[in-house]
């Protein structure tokens, strides 16, 4: 498995408390004017073939399965995950030894509608895949690159396999560029996409707007360079993201991998964005789907509607769904008025496949 060429890196040290104060102020504001692309100053977004169970034994839980009462650290330290188990949950958040899967929402700041049953489903899915011998995690940086920049140790791709040879998506969780909320904001999406037959990668990146975009660019390069081994179709791939992750998807879609230290790779066939207050429009946007709630105090739905209108005015396919009463970070929106939005997003992606 190859790892793509060197990408530039920036030595950034973020103070989480300072980020929280600055980002809560900056990302909650509504803006109808185009922003200039400045990741340094925009450090973020805060309140940034389903199978049928034909066997009756499918409902019988193995005694080794994770449950709501399983401790998070037990999952992270499970030998089946080797040394990447620590990245299943946020590496930049302090996790107590007593935290259980049913209480993961306690460490997912700025998120709502966290589904603990989905957390259990995902952790068991990952465990089953690993126990079956499938590779579910891929490094995107070489050992030499990690030695040069230790922050790159906490990066990589979790692979939720769909059908061999099918198209792929990269899903980017938010977390205000302070941490990566994958368990709620990218793993569930990737799992659902894999159930629909698509190959989905959930990116674990270095917090920080610039470094996050560099890691996404590297991930795109890595997948393209290893497409044959990964058994994915690289044509018309899609970039997904929520909150800060949506900014990443939008920036890579508009500026390309070459703007973040990698060679030039094809643009995505679609960008799927959730709850982000990004307003800039460059004129180079790919087809874009967006969704947000009317009670989101971090990402204004009016700002998002305005951006979609601007993209549409350029003749590019764009669509937005606004959900009444929902706040920031609703993820898949299960049990809410947004439930099923991912089906509409997939349909949008499919209609933009060439």
Foldseek 3Di string as FASTA:
>chain_A
DDAADDFDDDDDDDDVVVLVVLQQVPQLDADQDADDDDLQNPLFFVLFLQDDPPDPCVPPDDPPAADQQAWLVCQLPPCLVPNLSCLVAKPLWDGDRRHGLVRSVVGQPSAPQFDSVLLSVLSRVVSVCSVVPHDQKDQNDDPVVCVVPVLSVNKTKGKQAFAQQEAEEEEFEIRSLRIGHCSFWPSVLQNVVRSVRHIYIYIGFRRGLLRRLLRVLSVLVVCVVCVVVSRHDHAQYEYEYTGSSLVSRFCCQQPNSVVRGHDGDDHHLEYEYEQGQNQHDDLRHHAYEYEYECAASRHHVVSVVSNQVVNVVSVHHYYYYYHYPDYRHNGCVPPGPNNPVSVVVVVSSVVSGD
